[in-house]
Amino acid sequence: MSFQERRAIVSLISSILITAAYSAYMIQRYPEASPYSIEVFRFWGAFFLILIPVSIVAKIVIYIVFYIVNTIATREEEPSITDERDKLIELKATTRSLYVFMFGFLLAMGSLVVDMQPSVMFIILIGSGIASEMVSDISQFYFYRRGV
């Protein structure tokens, strides 16, 4: 398995674990108010604004640990150059990821049109963000495995 494949797997697993742990922690703080109250909107705003830096910091730490463990275990370092194949794989994975997020965004806005609670919209947005990140990681793994 190549370095890029291992990196994609680590990214996929870390994204799932970080979001699951953060969501499990935050769901305990969900306000017991009306679905249209200001407290619910504040909760979702704080949920998003805190999730982003928590995810970034956790991923940085996980990547550092991954690079150290990978270098010790395989005695190979990260490739210092990226060629056209790497850029093409990244571009294809990003394109697929953006399509998934765009579909999720439209679905979230559609949930408001059919008169669902605002919480449903926020849950769909979070889900589509995580799904798009997963699609990107899986696509990268697939393209590195299959070749482009």
N, C-alpha and C. Protein backbone atom coordinates (compact mmCIF):
# COMPACT_ATOMS: atom_id res chain seq x y z
N MET A 1 0.85 -1.17 0.00
CA MET A 1 0.00 0.00 0.00
C MET A 1 0.90 1.23 0.00
N SER A 2 0.57 2.18 -0.85
CA SER A 2 1.41 3.37 -0.97
C SER A 2 1.14 4.35 0.17
N PHE A 3 2.03 5.32 0.28
CA PHE A 3 1.90 6.35 1.31
C PHE A 3 0.59 7.11 1.15
N GLN A 4 0.22 7.46 -0.09
CA GLN A 4 -0.99 8.22 -0.34
C GLN A 4 -2.24 7.43 0.05
N GLU A 5 -2.24 6.12 -0.17
CA GLU A 5 -3.38 5.29 0.22
C GLU A 5 -3.51 5.25 1.73
N ARG A 6 -2.40 5.08 2.43
CA ARG A 6 -2.44 5.07 3.90
C ARG A 6 -2.91 6.42 4.44
N ARG A 7 -2.45 7.51 3.82
CA ARG A 7 -2.86 8.85 4.25
C ARG A 7 -4.37 9.04 4.06
N ALA A 8 -4.91 8.56 2.94
CA ALA A 8 -6.35 8.68 2.69
C ALA A 8 -7.15 7.89 3.72
N ILE A 9 -6.68 6.71 4.08
CA ILE A 9 -7.38 5.89 5.08
C ILE A 9 -7.34 6.57 6.45
N VAL A 10 -6.19 7.10 6.82
CA VAL A 10 -6.07 7.80 8.10
C VAL A 10 -6.98 9.02 8.13
N SER A 11 -7.05 9.75 7.03
CA SER A 11 -7.92 10.92 6.95
C SER A 11 -9.39 10.53 7.08
N LEU A 12 -9.78 9.46 6.42
CA LEU A 12 -11.17 8.99 6.49
C LEU A 12 -11.55 8.58 7.91
N ILE A 13 -10.72 7.77 8.53
CA ILE A 13 -11.02 7.30 9.89
C ILE A 13 -11.01 8.46 10.88
N SER A 14 -10.05 9.36 10.74
CA SER A 14 -9.98 10.48 11.68
C SER A 14 -11.19 11.41 11.52
N SER A 15 -11.64 11.63 10.30
CA SER A 15 -12.81 12.49 10.09
C SER A 15 -14.04 11.90 10.77
N ILE A 16 -14.23 10.62 10.61
CA ILE A 16 -15.39 9.95 11.22
C ILE A 16 -15.30 10.01 12.74
N LEU A 17 -14.13 9.69 13.29
CA LEU A 17 -13.99 9.67 14.75
C LEU A 17 -14.10 11.06 15.37
N ILE A 18 -13.50 12.05 14.75
CA ILE A 18 -13.56 13.41 15.29
C ILE A 18 -15.00 13.91 15.30
N THR A 19 -15.70 13.73 14.20
CA THR A 19 -17.08 14.22 14.13
C THR A 19 -17.99 13.45 15.07
N ALA A 20 -17.81 12.15 15.16
CA ALA A 20 -18.65 11.35 16.05
C ALA A 20 -18.41 11.74 17.51
N ALA A 21 -17.16 11.88 17.90
CA ALA A 21 -16.86 12.25 19.29
C ALA A 21 -17.37 13.65 19.61
N TYR A 22 -17.15 14.59 18.71
CA TYR A 22 -17.61 15.96 18.95
C TYR A 22 -19.13 16.02 19.00
N SER A 23 -19.79 15.32 18.09
CA SER A 23 -21.26 15.32 18.07
C SER A 23 -21.83 14.68 19.33
N ALA A 24 -21.22 13.59 19.78
CA ALA A 24 -21.68 12.94 21.01
C ALA A 24 -21.52 13.87 22.21
N TYR A 25 -20.45 14.64 22.22
CA TYR A 25 -20.23 15.60 23.30
C TYR A 25 -21.24 16.74 23.24
N MET A 26 -21.46 17.28 22.05
CA MET A 26 -22.32 18.46 21.91
C MET A 26 -23.81 18.15 22.00
N ILE A 27 -24.22 16.96 21.62
CA ILE A 27 -25.65 16.65 21.62
C ILE A 27 -26.22 16.68 23.05
N GLN A 28 -25.36 16.49 24.02
CA GLN A 28 -25.80 16.56 25.42
C GLN A 28 -26.16 17.99 25.81
N ARG A 29 -25.68 18.96 25.07
CA ARG A 29 -25.93 20.37 25.37
C ARG A 29 -27.09 20.94 24.56
N TYR A 30 -27.77 20.10 23.81
CA TYR A 30 -28.87 20.58 22.98
C TYR A 30 -29.95 21.19 23.86
N PRO A 31 -30.39 22.42 23.57
CA PRO A 31 -31.37 23.09 24.43
C PRO A 31 -32.75 22.45 24.35
N GLU A 32 -33.44 22.46 25.47
CA GLU A 32 -34.79 21.91 25.56
C GLU A 32 -35.83 23.01 25.29
N ALA A 33 -35.65 23.72 24.23
CA ALA A 33 -36.52 24.84 23.89
C ALA A 33 -37.29 24.53 22.63
N SER A 34 -38.11 25.46 22.22
CA SER A 34 -38.86 25.35 20.98
C SER A 34 -37.88 25.22 19.80
N PRO A 35 -38.23 24.43 18.78
CA PRO A 35 -37.32 24.26 17.64
C PRO A 35 -37.00 25.57 16.91
N TYR A 36 -37.82 26.59 17.10
CA TYR A 36 -37.61 27.87 16.43
C TYR A 36 -37.08 28.94 17.38
N SER A 37 -36.64 28.55 18.56
CA SER A 37 -36.16 29.53 19.53
C SER A 37 -34.72 29.94 19.20
N ILE A 38 -34.34 31.06 19.76
CA ILE A 38 -33.00 31.60 19.52
C ILE A 38 -31.92 30.71 20.13
N GLU A 39 -32.24 29.98 21.21
CA GLU A 39 -31.26 29.10 21.84
C GLU A 39 -30.85 27.96 20.90
N VAL A 40 -31.81 27.44 20.13
CA VAL A 40 -31.51 26.36 19.19
C VAL A 40 -30.59 26.87 18.09
N PHE A 41 -30.87 28.08 17.59
CA PHE A 41 -30.01 28.65 16.55
C PHE A 41 -28.61 28.96 17.09
N ARG A 42 -28.53 29.43 18.33
CA ARG A 42 -27.22 29.66 18.95
C ARG A 42 -26.45 28.36 19.11
N PHE A 43 -27.17 27.30 19.50
CA PHE A 43 -26.53 25.99 19.64
C PHE A 43 -25.90 25.55 18.32
N TRP A 44 -26.66 25.64 17.22
CA TRP A 44 -26.14 25.19 15.93
C TRP A 44 -25.02 26.09 15.43
N GLY A 45 -25.12 27.38 15.70
CA GLY A 45 -24.03 28.28 15.33
C GLY A 45 -22.76 27.94 16.08
N ALA A 46 -22.89 27.71 17.38
CA ALA A 46 -21.72 27.33 18.18
C ALA A 46 -21.20 25.96 17.75
N PHE A 47 -22.11 25.06 17.42
CA PHE A 47 -21.71 23.72 16.96
C PHE A 47 -20.78 23.82 15.77
N PHE A 48 -21.17 24.60 14.76
CA PHE A 48 -20.35 24.75 13.56
C PHE A 48 -19.05 25.49 13.85
N LEU A 49 -19.15 26.60 14.58
CA LEU A 49 -17.97 27.44 14.81
C LEU A 49 -16.91 26.74 15.67
N ILE A 50 -17.34 25.86 16.54
CA ILE A 50 -16.38 25.13 17.37
C ILE A 50 -15.88 23.88 16.64
N LEU A 51 -16.73 23.24 15.84
CA LEU A 51 -16.34 22.03 15.13
C LEU A 51 -15.17 22.28 14.18
N ILE A 52 -15.16 23.41 13.53
CA ILE A 52 -14.12 23.69 12.53
C ILE A 52 -12.72 23.74 13.16
N PRO A 53 -12.47 24.57 14.19
CA PRO A 53 -11.11 24.56 14.76
C PRO A 53 -10.77 23.26 15.49
N VAL A 54 -11.75 22.64 16.13
CA VAL A 54 -11.49 21.36 16.79
C VAL A 54 -11.04 20.33 15.77
N SER A 55 -11.73 20.28 14.64
CA SER A 55 -11.39 19.34 13.59
C SER A 55 -10.01 19.63 13.01
N ILE A 56 -9.70 20.89 12.78
CA ILE A 56 -8.39 21.26 12.22
C ILE A 56 -7.26 20.86 13.17
N VAL A 57 -7.38 21.22 14.43
CA VAL A 57 -6.34 20.91 15.41
C VAL A 57 -6.18 19.39 15.57
N ALA A 58 -7.29 18.68 15.67
CA ALA A 58 -7.22 17.22 15.83
C ALA A 58 -6.58 16.57 14.60
N LYS A 59 -6.93 17.04 13.41
CA LYS A 59 -6.33 16.46 12.20
C LYS A 59 -4.83 16.74 12.12
N ILE A 60 -4.41 17.93 12.52
CA ILE A 60 -2.98 18.23 12.53
C ILE A 60 -2.24 17.28 13.45
N VAL A 61 -2.77 17.09 14.65
CA VAL A 61 -2.14 16.17 15.60
C VAL A 61 -2.12 14.74 15.05
N ILE A 62 -3.24 14.31 14.47
CA ILE A 62 -3.32 12.96 13.91
C ILE A 62 -2.33 12.78 12.76
N TYR A 63 -2.21 13.78 11.89
CA TYR A 63 -1.27 13.68 10.77
C TYR A 63 0.18 13.63 11.26
N ILE A 64 0.50 14.41 12.27
CA ILE A 64 1.86 14.38 12.81
C ILE A 64 2.17 12.99 13.37
N VAL A 65 1.24 12.45 14.14
CA VAL A 65 1.42 11.10 14.68
C VAL A 65 1.51 10.08 13.55
N PHE A 66 0.67 10.23 12.53
CA PHE A 66 0.71 9.30 11.39
C PHE A 66 2.06 9.34 10.69
N TYR A 67 2.59 10.54 10.43
CA TYR A 67 3.87 10.65 9.75
C TYR A 67 4.99 10.02 10.56
N ILE A 68 4.96 10.23 11.87
CA ILE A 68 5.99 9.65 12.74
C ILE A 68 5.90 8.13 12.74
N VAL A 69 4.69 7.61 12.96
CA VAL A 69 4.50 6.15 13.00
C VAL A 69 4.81 5.53 11.64
N ASN A 70 4.38 6.17 10.58
CA ASN A 70 4.63 5.64 9.24
C ASN A 70 6.13 5.61 8.93
N THR A 71 6.85 6.65 9.31
CA THR A 71 8.29 6.69 9.06
C THR A 71 9.02 5.62 9.87
N ILE A 72 8.60 5.42 11.11
CA ILE A 72 9.23 4.40 11.95
C ILE A 72 8.91 3.00 11.43
N ALA A 73 7.66 2.76 11.06
CA ALA A 73 7.24 1.41 10.66
C ALA A 73 7.76 1.02 9.28
N THR A 74 7.73 1.93 8.32
CA THR A 74 8.06 1.56 6.95
C THR A 74 9.44 2.04 6.51
N ARG A 75 10.08 2.87 7.29
CA ARG A 75 11.37 3.46 6.95
C ARG A 75 11.32 4.26 5.64
N GLU A 76 10.13 4.72 5.28
CA GLU A 76 10.01 5.57 4.10
C GLU A 76 9.35 6.87 4.51
N GLU A 77 9.80 7.93 3.92
CA GLU A 77 9.25 9.24 4.23
C GLU A 77 8.23 9.64 3.18
N GLU A 78 7.53 10.72 3.49
CA GLU A 78 6.54 11.22 2.54
C GLU A 78 7.24 11.62 1.24
N PRO A 79 6.66 11.26 0.11
CA PRO A 79 7.26 11.68 -1.16
C PRO A 79 7.34 13.21 -1.22
N SER A 80 8.51 13.71 -1.60
CA SER A 80 8.71 15.16 -1.57
C SER A 80 8.15 15.86 -2.79
N ILE A 81 7.89 15.12 -3.85
CA ILE A 81 7.35 15.73 -5.06
C ILE A 81 6.00 15.13 -5.39
N THR A 82 5.17 15.97 -5.96
CA THR A 82 3.89 15.49 -6.48
C THR A 82 3.91 15.67 -7.98
N ASP A 83 3.50 14.65 -8.66
CA ASP A 83 3.51 14.73 -10.12
C ASP A 83 2.10 15.02 -10.64
N GLU A 84 1.95 14.95 -11.95
CA GLU A 84 0.66 15.25 -12.56
C GLU A 84 -0.40 14.24 -12.14
N ARG A 85 0.01 13.00 -11.93
CA ARG A 85 -0.94 11.97 -11.50
C ARG A 85 -1.53 12.32 -10.13
N ASP A 86 -0.70 12.74 -9.19
CA ASP A 86 -1.18 13.13 -7.87
C ASP A 86 -2.14 14.31 -7.96
N LYS A 87 -1.80 15.27 -8.79
CA LYS A 87 -2.66 16.45 -8.94
C LYS A 87 -3.99 16.08 -9.60
N LEU A 88 -3.94 15.17 -10.58
CA LEU A 88 -5.16 14.72 -11.25
C LEU A 88 -6.06 13.96 -10.28
N ILE A 89 -5.47 13.10 -9.46
CA ILE A 89 -6.25 12.35 -8.47
C ILE A 89 -6.88 13.31 -7.47
N GLU A 90 -6.12 14.29 -7.00
CA GLU A 90 -6.67 15.27 -6.06
C GLU A 90 -7.80 16.08 -6.69
N LEU A 91 -7.64 16.44 -7.94
CA LEU A 91 -8.67 17.20 -8.64
C LEU A 91 -9.96 16.39 -8.80
N LYS A 92 -9.83 15.13 -9.20
CA LYS A 92 -11.01 14.28 -9.36
C LYS A 92 -11.71 14.05 -8.02
N ALA A 93 -10.94 13.82 -6.97
CA ALA A 93 -11.52 13.61 -5.64
C ALA A 93 -12.22 14.86 -5.15
N THR A 94 -11.61 16.02 -5.37
CA THR A 94 -12.22 17.29 -4.96
C THR A 94 -13.51 17.55 -5.73
N THR A 95 -13.52 17.24 -7.01
CA THR A 95 -14.72 17.44 -7.82
C THR A 95 -15.87 16.59 -7.30
N ARG A 96 -15.59 15.33 -7.03
CA ARG A 96 -16.64 14.45 -6.48
C ARG A 96 -17.12 14.94 -5.12
N SER A 97 -16.19 15.40 -4.31
CA SER A 97 -16.53 15.91 -2.99
C SER A 97 -17.44 17.13 -3.10
N LEU A 98 -17.14 18.03 -4.00
CA LEU A 98 -17.96 19.23 -4.17
C LEU A 98 -19.36 18.90 -4.67
N TYR A 99 -19.48 17.91 -5.54
CA TYR A 99 -20.81 17.48 -5.99
C TYR A 99 -21.64 16.95 -4.82
N VAL A 100 -21.02 16.16 -3.95
CA VAL A 100 -21.74 15.63 -2.80
C VAL A 100 -22.18 16.75 -1.88
N PHE A 101 -21.28 17.70 -1.61
CA PHE A 101 -21.65 18.80 -0.72
C PHE A 101 -22.74 19.67 -1.35
N MET A 102 -22.64 19.91 -2.65
CA MET A 102 -23.66 20.72 -3.33
C MET A 102 -25.03 20.05 -3.24
N PHE A 103 -25.06 18.74 -3.44
CA PHE A 103 -26.33 18.01 -3.31
C PHE A 103 -26.86 18.11 -1.89
N GLY A 104 -25.99 17.96 -0.90
CA GLY A 104 -26.40 18.08 0.50
C GLY A 104 -26.90 19.47 0.84
N PHE A 105 -26.25 20.49 0.30
CA PHE A 105 -26.68 21.86 0.54
C PHE A 105 -28.07 22.09 -0.05
N LEU A 106 -28.28 21.62 -1.27
CA LEU A 106 -29.61 21.77 -1.88
C LEU A 106 -30.66 20.99 -1.10
N LEU A 107 -30.30 19.82 -0.61
CA LEU A 107 -31.23 19.03 0.20
C LEU A 107 -31.55 19.75 1.51
N ALA A 108 -30.54 20.38 2.12
CA ALA A 108 -30.77 21.13 3.36
C ALA A 108 -31.70 22.31 3.13
N MET A 109 -31.50 23.03 2.03
CA MET A 109 -32.39 24.15 1.73
C MET A 109 -33.79 23.65 1.38
N GLY A 110 -33.85 22.52 0.72
CA GLY A 110 -35.15 21.92 0.40
C GLY A 110 -35.91 21.50 1.64
N SER A 111 -35.19 21.10 2.69
CA SER A 111 -35.87 20.73 3.93
C SER A 111 -36.60 21.92 4.54
N LEU A 112 -36.08 23.12 4.34
CA LEU A 112 -36.77 24.31 4.84
C LEU A 112 -37.99 24.63 3.98
N VAL A 113 -37.88 24.35 2.68
CA VAL A 113 -39.00 24.63 1.77
C VAL A 113 -40.20 23.75 2.11
N VAL A 114 -39.94 22.49 2.50
CA VAL A 114 -41.05 21.59 2.83
C VAL A 114 -41.44 21.69 4.30
N ASP A 115 -41.02 22.79 4.95
CA ASP A 115 -41.46 23.16 6.30
C ASP A 115 -40.99 22.18 7.38
N MET A 116 -39.75 21.73 7.29
CA MET A 116 -39.17 20.93 8.36
C MET A 116 -38.51 21.87 9.36
N GLN A 117 -38.20 21.34 10.53
CA GLN A 117 -37.57 22.15 11.56
C GLN A 117 -36.18 22.60 11.11
N PRO A 118 -35.73 23.76 11.57
CA PRO A 118 -34.39 24.23 11.20
C PRO A 118 -33.27 23.28 11.62
N SER A 119 -33.49 22.53 12.68
CA SER A 119 -32.47 21.58 13.12
C SER A 119 -32.18 20.54 12.04
N VAL A 120 -33.19 20.17 11.28
CA VAL A 120 -33.00 19.20 10.19
C VAL A 120 -32.05 19.77 9.15
N MET A 121 -32.20 21.04 8.85
CA MET A 121 -31.30 21.68 7.89
C MET A 121 -29.86 21.63 8.38
N PHE A 122 -29.64 21.95 9.65
CA PHE A 122 -28.28 21.94 10.18
C PHE A 122 -27.70 20.53 10.20
N ILE A 123 -28.51 19.55 10.54
CA ILE A 123 -28.04 18.17 10.56
C ILE A 123 -27.68 17.71 9.14
N ILE A 124 -28.48 18.09 8.16
CA ILE A 124 -28.17 17.73 6.77
C ILE A 124 -26.89 18.42 6.32
N LEU A 125 -26.69 19.68 6.70
CA LEU A 125 -25.46 20.39 6.34
C LEU A 125 -24.23 19.72 6.95
N ILE A 126 -24.32 19.34 8.21
CA ILE A 126 -23.19 18.65 8.86
C ILE A 126 -22.96 17.31 8.18
N GLY A 127 -24.03 16.59 7.94
CA GLY A 127 -23.91 15.28 7.29
C GLY A 127 -23.32 15.38 5.89
N SER A 128 -23.74 16.39 5.14
CA SER A 128 -23.20 16.52 3.78
C SER A 128 -21.74 16.96 3.80
N GLY A 129 -21.36 17.75 4.78
CA GLY A 129 -19.95 18.12 4.91
C GLY A 129 -19.08 16.91 5.22
N ILE A 130 -19.53 16.08 6.14
CA ILE A 130 -18.79 14.87 6.49
C ILE A 130 -18.80 13.90 5.32
N ALA A 131 -19.96 13.76 4.66
CA ALA A 131 -20.04 12.85 3.51
C ALA A 131 -19.13 13.30 2.38
N SER A 132 -19.05 14.62 2.16
CA SER A 132 -18.17 15.09 1.08
C SER A 132 -16.71 14.84 1.42
N GLU A 133 -16.33 14.98 2.67
CA GLU A 133 -14.96 14.69 3.08
C GLU A 133 -14.66 13.20 2.93
N MET A 134 -15.64 12.37 3.28
CA MET A 134 -15.47 10.93 3.13
C MET A 134 -15.36 10.54 1.65
N VAL A 135 -16.17 11.14 0.80
CA VAL A 135 -16.11 10.86 -0.63
C VAL A 135 -14.74 11.26 -1.19
N SER A 136 -14.21 12.37 -0.73
CA SER A 136 -12.89 12.80 -1.18
C SER A 136 -11.82 11.78 -0.79
N ASP A 137 -11.84 11.34 0.46
CA ASP A 137 -10.84 10.37 0.92
C ASP A 137 -10.99 9.02 0.23
N ILE A 138 -12.22 8.56 0.08
CA ILE A 138 -12.46 7.29 -0.59
C ILE A 138 -12.07 7.38 -2.06
N SER A 139 -12.36 8.50 -2.70
CA SER A 139 -11.99 8.69 -4.10
C SER A 139 -10.48 8.68 -4.27
N GLN A 140 -9.78 9.37 -3.38
CA GLN A 140 -8.32 9.36 -3.47
C GLN A 140 -7.78 7.95 -3.32
N PHE A 141 -8.28 7.23 -2.33
CA PHE A 141 -7.84 5.85 -2.13
C PHE A 141 -8.13 5.01 -3.38
N TYR A 142 -9.32 5.15 -3.91
CA TYR A 142 -9.72 4.38 -5.10
C TYR A 142 -8.85 4.70 -6.30
N PHE A 143 -8.61 5.98 -6.54
CA PHE A 143 -7.82 6.37 -7.70
C PHE A 143 -6.36 5.98 -7.56
N TYR A 144 -5.81 6.05 -6.34
CA TYR A 144 -4.44 5.59 -6.15
C TYR A 144 -4.35 4.08 -6.32
N ARG A 145 -5.37 3.37 -5.89
CA ARG A 145 -5.37 1.92 -6.00
C ARG A 145 -5.57 1.49 -7.45
N ARG A 146 -6.54 2.08 -8.12
CA ARG A 146 -6.89 1.71 -9.48
C ARG A 146 -5.97 2.36 -10.50
N GLY A 147 -5.58 3.56 -10.23
CA GLY A 147 -4.80 4.32 -11.21
C GLY A 147 -5.72 5.18 -12.03
N VAL A 148 -5.16 6.25 -12.54
CA VAL A 148 -5.96 7.17 -13.34
C VAL A 148 -5.50 7.15 -14.77
